[in-house]
Protein backbone atom coordinates (compact mmCIF):
# COMPACT_ATOMS: atom_id res chain seq x y z
CA UNK A 1 -33.79 -81.30 -56.33
CA UNK A 2 -35.50 -83.30 -53.27
CA UNK A 3 -35.46 -82.83 -49.94
CA UNK A 4 -38.43 -84.97 -48.79
CA UNK A 5 -36.80 -88.35 -51.07
CA UNK A 6 -34.57 -90.76 -50.08
CA UNK A 7 -31.17 -90.19 -48.23
CA UNK A 8 -28.78 -92.63 -48.48
CA UNK A 9 -25.28 -92.83 -46.41
CA UNK A 10 -22.19 -93.96 -48.29
CA UNK A 11 -19.78 -95.51 -46.45
CA UNK A 12 -19.20 -97.98 -43.32
CA UNK A 13 -17.07 -96.55 -41.16
CA UNK A 14 -17.28 -94.63 -37.63
CA UNK A 15 -18.50 -91.34 -39.65
CA UNK A 16 -20.60 -92.77 -41.41
CA UNK A 17 -22.39 -94.37 -38.42
CA UNK A 18 -22.29 -91.11 -36.50
CA UNK A 19 -24.29 -89.27 -39.57
CA UNK A 20 -26.71 -92.41 -39.72
CA UNK A 21 -27.69 -92.28 -36.33
CA UNK A 22 -28.28 -88.12 -36.80
CA UNK A 23 -30.17 -88.68 -39.78
CA UNK A 24 -32.31 -91.50 -38.37
CA UNK A 25 -32.99 -88.76 -35.82
CA UNK A 26 -34.66 -86.79 -38.43
CA UNK A 27 -36.01 -88.89 -41.03
CA UNK A 28 -37.91 -91.66 -41.26
CA UNK A 29 -36.02 -94.26 -43.02
CA UNK A 30 -32.79 -94.10 -44.88
CA UNK A 31 -30.48 -96.47 -47.09
CA UNK A 32 -27.03 -96.94 -46.09
CA UNK A 33 -24.45 -98.28 -48.59
CA UNK A 34 -21.53 -100.45 -47.46
CA UNK A 35 -19.22 -102.38 -49.78
CA UNK A 36 -19.25 -105.67 -48.07
CA UNK A 37 -22.09 -108.06 -48.11
CA UNK A 38 -20.78 -109.75 -44.79
CA UNK A 39 -20.61 -106.31 -42.94
CA UNK A 40 -24.02 -105.99 -43.79
CA UNK A 41 -25.05 -109.45 -42.89
CA UNK A 42 -23.80 -108.86 -39.36
CA UNK A 43 -25.00 -105.25 -38.87
CA UNK A 44 -28.89 -107.13 -39.57
CA UNK A 45 -28.48 -109.69 -37.21
CA UNK A 46 -26.42 -107.61 -34.74
CA UNK A 47 -28.41 -104.62 -34.76
CA UNK A 48 -25.57 -102.64 -34.60
CA UNK A 49 -21.93 -101.69 -36.98
CA UNK A 50 -19.87 -104.80 -36.60
CA UNK A 51 -16.33 -102.70 -37.10
CA UNK A 52 -17.22 -99.10 -36.02
CA UNK A 53 -19.37 -97.63 -32.59
CA UNK A 54 -20.60 -101.00 -32.21
CA UNK A 55 -22.12 -99.47 -29.16
CA UNK A 56 -24.61 -97.96 -31.48
CA UNK A 57 -27.83 -99.73 -31.50
CA UNK A 58 -29.87 -98.59 -34.77
CA UNK A 59 -33.92 -100.27 -35.68
CA UNK A 60 -32.43 -102.08 -39.02
CA UNK A 61 -35.70 -102.14 -39.76
CA UNK A 62 -35.89 -98.41 -40.96
CA UNK A 63 -32.45 -98.86 -42.67
CA UNK A 64 -32.38 -100.60 -46.43
CA UNK A 65 -28.88 -101.79 -46.90
CA UNK A 66 -27.25 -101.97 -50.14
CA UNK A 67 -23.74 -103.45 -51.31
CA UNK A 68 -24.45 -102.34 -54.92
CA UNK A 69 -23.44 -98.60 -55.19
CA UNK A 70 -25.69 -98.19 -58.33
CA UNK A 71 -28.41 -99.51 -57.02
CA UNK A 72 -28.14 -97.58 -54.22
CA UNK A 73 -27.58 -94.33 -56.41
CA UNK A 74 -30.57 -95.03 -58.33
CA UNK A 75 -33.04 -95.26 -55.28
CA UNK A 76 -31.76 -92.48 -53.44
CA UNK A 77 -32.09 -88.48 -54.26
CA UNK A 78 -29.67 -87.48 -51.69
CA UNK A 79 -26.35 -89.12 -50.86
CA UNK A 80 -24.26 -88.32 -47.68
CA UNK A 81 -20.47 -89.71 -49.06
CA UNK A 82 -18.33 -90.70 -45.86
CA UNK A 83 -16.17 -92.86 -47.08
CA UNK A 84 -12.15 -91.95 -46.42
CA UNK A 85 -10.96 -89.56 -49.47
CA UNK A 86 -8.20 -91.64 -51.00
CA UNK A 87 -10.67 -93.84 -51.28
CA UNK A 88 -13.50 -92.13 -52.79
CA UNK A 89 -12.43 -92.83 -56.72
CA UNK A 90 -12.33 -96.27 -56.07
CA UNK A 91 -15.76 -96.39 -54.89
CA UNK A 92 -16.99 -94.25 -57.51
CA UNK A 93 -14.95 -96.22 -60.70
CA UNK A 94 -17.94 -98.45 -60.27
CA UNK A 95 -20.58 -95.90 -60.71
CA UNK A 96 -22.11 -95.95 -63.76
CA UNK A 97 -25.13 -94.14 -62.77
CA UNK A 98 -25.87 -90.36 -63.30
CA UNK A 99 -25.26 -88.40 -60.07
CA UNK A 100 -25.83 -84.72 -61.51
CA UNK A 101 -29.51 -84.50 -60.59
CA UNK A 102 -28.79 -86.57 -57.62
CA UNK A 103 -27.96 -83.77 -54.05
CA UNK A 104 -24.25 -84.46 -53.34
CA UNK A 105 -23.14 -83.80 -49.16
CA UNK A 106 -19.48 -84.52 -48.59
CA UNK A 107 -18.90 -85.25 -44.95
CA UNK A 108 -15.46 -85.87 -46.27
CA UNK A 109 -12.09 -84.04 -44.68
CA UNK A 110 -9.95 -84.78 -47.17
CA UNK A 111 -8.77 -84.22 -50.90
CA UNK A 112 -8.57 -86.72 -53.63
CA UNK A 113 -5.24 -87.69 -54.32
CA UNK A 114 -3.54 -87.11 -58.08
CA UNK A 115 -6.21 -84.89 -59.17
CA UNK A 116 -5.77 -82.65 -55.64
CA UNK A 117 -9.08 -81.66 -56.06
CA UNK A 118 -11.25 -80.47 -53.06
CA UNK A 119 -14.09 -83.18 -52.72
CA UNK A 120 -17.14 -80.67 -54.07
CA UNK A 121 -15.18 -79.49 -57.00
CA UNK A 122 -14.27 -83.62 -57.70
CA UNK A 123 -18.03 -84.06 -58.13
CA UNK A 124 -18.78 -80.74 -60.47
CA UNK A 125 -16.07 -81.47 -62.48
CA UNK A 126 -16.06 -85.06 -63.61
CA UNK A 127 -19.54 -85.38 -62.51
CA UNK A 128 -21.61 -82.42 -63.81
CA UNK A 129 -23.29 -81.83 -60.83
CA UNK A 130 -24.06 -78.28 -59.78
CA UNK A 131 -22.02 -76.44 -57.22
CA UNK A 132 -25.42 -75.43 -55.36
CA UNK A 133 -26.69 -78.54 -55.38
CA UNK A 134 -23.60 -79.35 -53.48
CA UNK A 135 -22.95 -79.17 -49.48
CA UNK A 136 -20.21 -80.24 -47.18
CA UNK A 137 -20.57 -81.11 -43.40
CA UNK A 138 -17.46 -79.71 -41.21
CA UNK A 139 -16.58 -80.39 -37.44
CA UNK A 140 -16.30 -79.71 -34.84
CA UNK A 141 -17.41 -83.24 -34.00
CA UNK A 142 -15.85 -86.68 -33.48
CA UNK A 143 -17.99 -89.28 -34.39
CA UNK A 144 -17.14 -91.25 -30.80
CA UNK A 145 -19.13 -88.34 -29.22
CA UNK A 146 -22.10 -88.23 -31.46
CA UNK A 147 -22.46 -91.60 -30.90
CA UNK A 148 -22.85 -91.09 -27.28
CA UNK A 149 -25.38 -88.19 -28.20
CA UNK A 150 -22.69 -85.46 -26.55
CA UNK A 151 -23.87 -82.10 -27.17
CA UNK A 152 -21.93 -81.30 -30.87
CA UNK A 153 -22.22 -78.74 -33.57
CA UNK A 154 -22.24 -79.36 -37.10
CA UNK A 155 -21.60 -76.40 -40.01
CA UNK A 156 -23.07 -77.05 -43.16
CA UNK A 157 -21.90 -75.32 -45.87
CA UNK A 158 -23.27 -74.65 -50.01
CA UNK A 159 -22.51 -71.69 -52.10
CA UNK A 160 -26.30 -71.34 -51.79
CA UNK A 161 -27.55 -70.65 -48.52
CA UNK A 162 -30.68 -71.05 -48.43
CA UNK A 163 -29.83 -75.04 -49.67
CA UNK A 164 -27.60 -74.70 -47.18
CA UNK A 165 -30.03 -73.89 -44.35
CA UNK A 166 -32.32 -77.13 -46.00
CA UNK A 167 -29.50 -79.23 -45.75
CA UNK A 168 -28.69 -78.17 -41.69
CA UNK A 169 -32.10 -79.48 -41.20
CA UNK A 170 -31.38 -82.78 -41.63
CA UNK A 171 -28.66 -82.61 -39.38
CA UNK A 172 -30.04 -80.76 -36.13
CA UNK A 173 -31.60 -82.80 -33.38
CA UNK A 174 -31.87 -82.21 -29.88
CA UNK A 175 -27.49 -83.28 -29.18
CA UNK A 176 -26.48 -81.78 -33.05
CA UNK A 177 -26.64 -77.64 -33.43
CA UNK A 178 -26.13 -77.05 -37.34
CA UNK A 179 -25.01 -74.03 -38.34
CA UNK A 180 -24.85 -72.60 -41.87
CA UNK A 181 -21.83 -70.76 -44.59
CA UNK A 182 -21.22 -70.08 -47.88
CA UNK A 183 -17.47 -71.07 -47.50
CA UNK A 184 -17.24 -73.69 -49.28
CA UNK A 185 -14.26 -73.58 -50.68
CA UNK A 186 -11.92 -72.23 -47.18
CA UNK A 187 -14.27 -75.44 -44.62
CA UNK A 188 -12.97 -77.58 -46.95
CA UNK A 189 -9.40 -77.21 -47.30
CA UNK A 190 -9.73 -75.93 -43.43
CA UNK A 191 -10.77 -79.55 -42.70
CA UNK A 192 -7.92 -80.99 -44.29
CA UNK A 193 -5.13 -78.51 -42.94
CA UNK A 194 -6.28 -79.51 -39.04
CA UNK A 195 -5.87 -82.73 -39.46
CA UNK A 196 -2.69 -82.43 -40.66
CA UNK A 197 -2.09 -79.77 -37.55
CA UNK A 198 -3.36 -82.68 -35.29
CA UNK A 199 -0.67 -85.18 -36.70
CA UNK A 200 2.14 -82.58 -35.91
CA UNK A 201 0.06 -82.44 -32.36
CA UNK A 202 0.81 -85.53 -32.03
CA UNK A 203 4.12 -85.76 -32.50
CA UNK A 204 5.24 -83.02 -30.13
CA UNK A 205 2.94 -84.91 -27.60
CA UNK A 206 4.70 -87.95 -28.27
CA UNK A 207 8.07 -86.03 -28.04
CA UNK A 208 7.01 -85.03 -24.45
CA UNK A 209 6.50 -81.42 -25.40
CA UNK A 210 4.02 -80.35 -22.78
CA UNK A 211 0.48 -78.37 -22.53
CA UNK A 212 2.38 -74.59 -22.55
CA UNK A 213 4.11 -75.14 -26.00
CA UNK A 214 0.64 -77.19 -27.69
CA UNK A 215 -0.69 -74.03 -26.90
CA UNK A 216 1.55 -71.90 -28.51
CA UNK A 217 1.61 -74.50 -31.63
CA UNK A 218 -2.26 -74.22 -31.80
CA UNK A 219 -1.84 -70.24 -31.72
CA UNK A 220 0.71 -70.51 -34.83
CA UNK A 221 -1.43 -73.56 -36.90
CA UNK A 222 -4.39 -71.04 -36.93
CA UNK A 223 -2.30 -68.66 -38.34
CA UNK A 224 -1.20 -70.57 -40.50
CA UNK A 225 -4.33 -71.80 -41.78
CA UNK A 226 -5.60 -68.15 -42.21
CA UNK A 227 -2.79 -67.33 -44.14
CA UNK A 228 -3.28 -70.06 -46.48
CA UNK A 229 -7.17 -70.17 -46.82
CA UNK A 230 -6.56 -66.07 -47.70
CA UNK A 231 -3.93 -66.82 -50.36
CA UNK A 232 -5.97 -69.88 -52.16
CA UNK A 233 -9.43 -68.20 -51.88
CA UNK A 234 -10.09 -64.54 -50.70
CA UNK A 235 -12.94 -64.51 -48.53
CA UNK A 236 -14.23 -62.36 -45.94
CA UNK A 237 -14.12 -65.11 -42.61
CA UNK A 238 -14.04 -64.98 -38.92
CA UNK A 239 -11.04 -67.97 -38.74
CA UNK A 240 -12.31 -68.24 -34.61
CA UNK A 241 -15.67 -70.11 -35.68
CA UNK A 242 -16.00 -73.43 -35.07
CA UNK A 243 -15.23 -74.87 -38.60
CA UNK A 244 -12.29 -73.52 -38.38
CA UNK A 245 -10.51 -73.44 -35.29
CA UNK A 246 -12.75 -75.26 -33.26
CA UNK A 247 -12.28 -77.91 -35.88
CA UNK A 248 -8.58 -77.47 -35.05
CA UNK A 249 -8.60 -77.59 -31.54
CA UNK A 250 -10.64 -80.81 -31.46
CA UNK A 251 -8.55 -82.88 -33.80
CA UNK A 252 -5.38 -81.72 -32.47
CA UNK A 253 -6.06 -82.16 -28.67
CA UNK A 254 -9.02 -85.30 -28.44
CA UNK A 255 -8.35 -88.68 -27.62
CA UNK A 256 -10.71 -89.59 -30.19
CA UNK A 257 -8.50 -87.83 -32.97
CA UNK A 258 -6.73 -90.70 -34.87
CA UNK A 259 -4.59 -88.19 -36.78
CA UNK A 260 -3.24 -87.02 -33.20
CA UNK A 261 -3.07 -90.76 -32.90
CA UNK A 262 -0.81 -91.39 -35.65
CA UNK A 263 1.03 -88.10 -35.03
CA UNK A 264 1.76 -89.73 -31.32
CA UNK A 265 3.20 -92.80 -32.40
CA UNK A 266 5.52 -91.17 -34.66
CA UNK A 267 6.74 -89.01 -32.24
CA UNK A 268 6.98 -92.10 -29.72
CA UNK A 269 9.69 -93.48 -32.18
CA UNK A 270 7.61 -95.40 -34.66
CA UNK A 271 8.67 -95.16 -37.96
CA UNK A 272 5.49 -93.80 -40.42
CA UNK A 273 4.91 -97.65 -42.08
CA UNK A 274 4.62 -99.11 -38.61
CA UNK A 275 2.19 -96.37 -37.63
CA UNK A 276 0.24 -96.78 -40.40
CA UNK A 277 -0.08 -100.60 -39.84
CA UNK A 278 -0.72 -100.77 -36.27
CA UNK A 279 -3.73 -97.93 -36.57
CA UNK A 280 -7.17 -99.39 -37.51
CA UNK A 281 -8.81 -96.21 -39.35
CA UNK A 282 -7.12 -94.12 -41.89
CA UNK A 283 -5.29 -90.78 -40.64
CA UNK A 284 -6.62 -88.72 -43.22
CA UNK A 285 -3.71 -85.98 -42.53
CA UNK A 286 -1.09 -88.18 -43.88
CA UNK A 287 -2.67 -88.02 -47.45
CA UNK A 288 -3.35 -84.09 -47.06
CA UNK A 289 -0.01 -83.14 -46.11
CA UNK A 290 1.09 -84.64 -49.94
CA UNK A 291 -2.11 -83.00 -51.43
CA UNK A 292 -1.52 -79.85 -50.07
CA UNK A 293 2.65 -79.48 -50.17
CA UNK A 294 1.99 -79.88 -54.34
CA UNK A 295 -1.14 -77.40 -54.27
CA UNK A 296 1.14 -74.85 -52.55
CA UNK A 297 3.70 -75.58 -55.65
CA UNK A 298 1.30 -72.77 -57.14
CA UNK A 299 0.02 -70.65 -54.70
CA UNK A 300 3.67 -70.47 -52.32
CA UNK A 301 2.30 -69.39 -49.19
CA UNK A 302 4.25 -69.69 -46.11
CA UNK A 303 3.10 -72.79 -44.54
CA UNK A 304 6.69 -74.48 -42.38
CA UNK A 305 4.16 -76.45 -40.03
CA UNK A 306 2.75 -78.20 -43.11
CA UNK A 307 6.20 -78.33 -44.78
CA UNK A 308 7.67 -79.74 -41.33
CA UNK A 309 5.06 -82.16 -41.14
CA UNK A 310 5.82 -83.43 -45.31
CA UNK A 311 9.47 -83.18 -44.41
CA UNK A 312 9.05 -85.88 -41.45
CA UNK A 313 6.03 -88.05 -43.39
CA UNK A 314 7.77 -88.02 -47.20
CA UNK A 315 11.08 -87.14 -47.39
CA UNK A 316 11.77 -89.34 -44.07
CA UNK A 317 13.70 -86.92 -41.96
CA UNK A 318 14.27 -86.89 -38.37
CA UNK A 319 11.17 -85.67 -36.54
CA UNK A 320 13.97 -84.48 -33.48
CA UNK A 321 15.79 -82.41 -36.15
CA UNK A 322 12.56 -80.86 -37.88
CA UNK A 323 10.28 -80.36 -34.58
CA UNK A 324 13.09 -78.62 -33.20
CA UNK A 325 13.84 -76.41 -35.94
CA UNK A 326 10.00 -75.69 -36.06
CA UNK A 327 9.82 -74.76 -32.85
CA UNK A 328 12.62 -71.97 -33.44
CA UNK A 329 9.54 -70.04 -35.83
CA UNK A 330 6.80 -69.64 -33.10
CA UNK A 331 6.10 -66.90 -31.38
């Protein structure tokens, strides 16, 4: 696999934009795939992403843009996917170029709906990419703070630790520090669950639950996360690590968190549909809740927080009643 070849960022959202900024700090140029040609033309004209993180300026002479997924795949050695998980299959349906010999880096914090597969498992099973050639990027790292060049930490996970270290160097600069892990499955599930718990934290915030309660909630959420991870993927891991607890805290507490914002709207009385319509970006925890609920039918882990959110989002039960019942379980 070629670590000195061309790197492509796949996606045009805020996370993709932040990752492009990081990679351009460590590489001379990048390829960048965006689905819409009009966005590319605006980007070239303005020198920044016209739709996301518009305050971040780019030297467009160092970027080769593509709106054809097959062309960018053919021309690139490493593909960094940063699209919302519900739309990944839709993008890949257009792909007819083999990717089994490419490096795949997933910055997607979600699960492929319907198949209920982790992103790495989806690429391995459906596209024949070897597990040792697939890496993931985890937080805690809001795109907005990376764009502001505030000190941030990433975790790069790959089942081959040597490859994780090689990939991590692409995402390390003066403002971004990268650690390595082999817990691909655990970190991928944790990245889904932290979005789920952030929605619940937002609901409670919207219902005027205070900081005292939020601290207790997060304590119980990390315990639930550990229980689920230990059930589905037995591995010695430190749940207090930044890819687990750290990502949970920032997603559940930050004003930049779209999942917390989505939950806050529901807690204030918005319907789920209205909250979704008013959100400018995807709250991945909405989709992750259903995926984990269905996956857990096999494992039967005790995950009352997630099930409470499932009742609110998909069974249309009253947030007031569901949250009040949930608080009775906390210690």
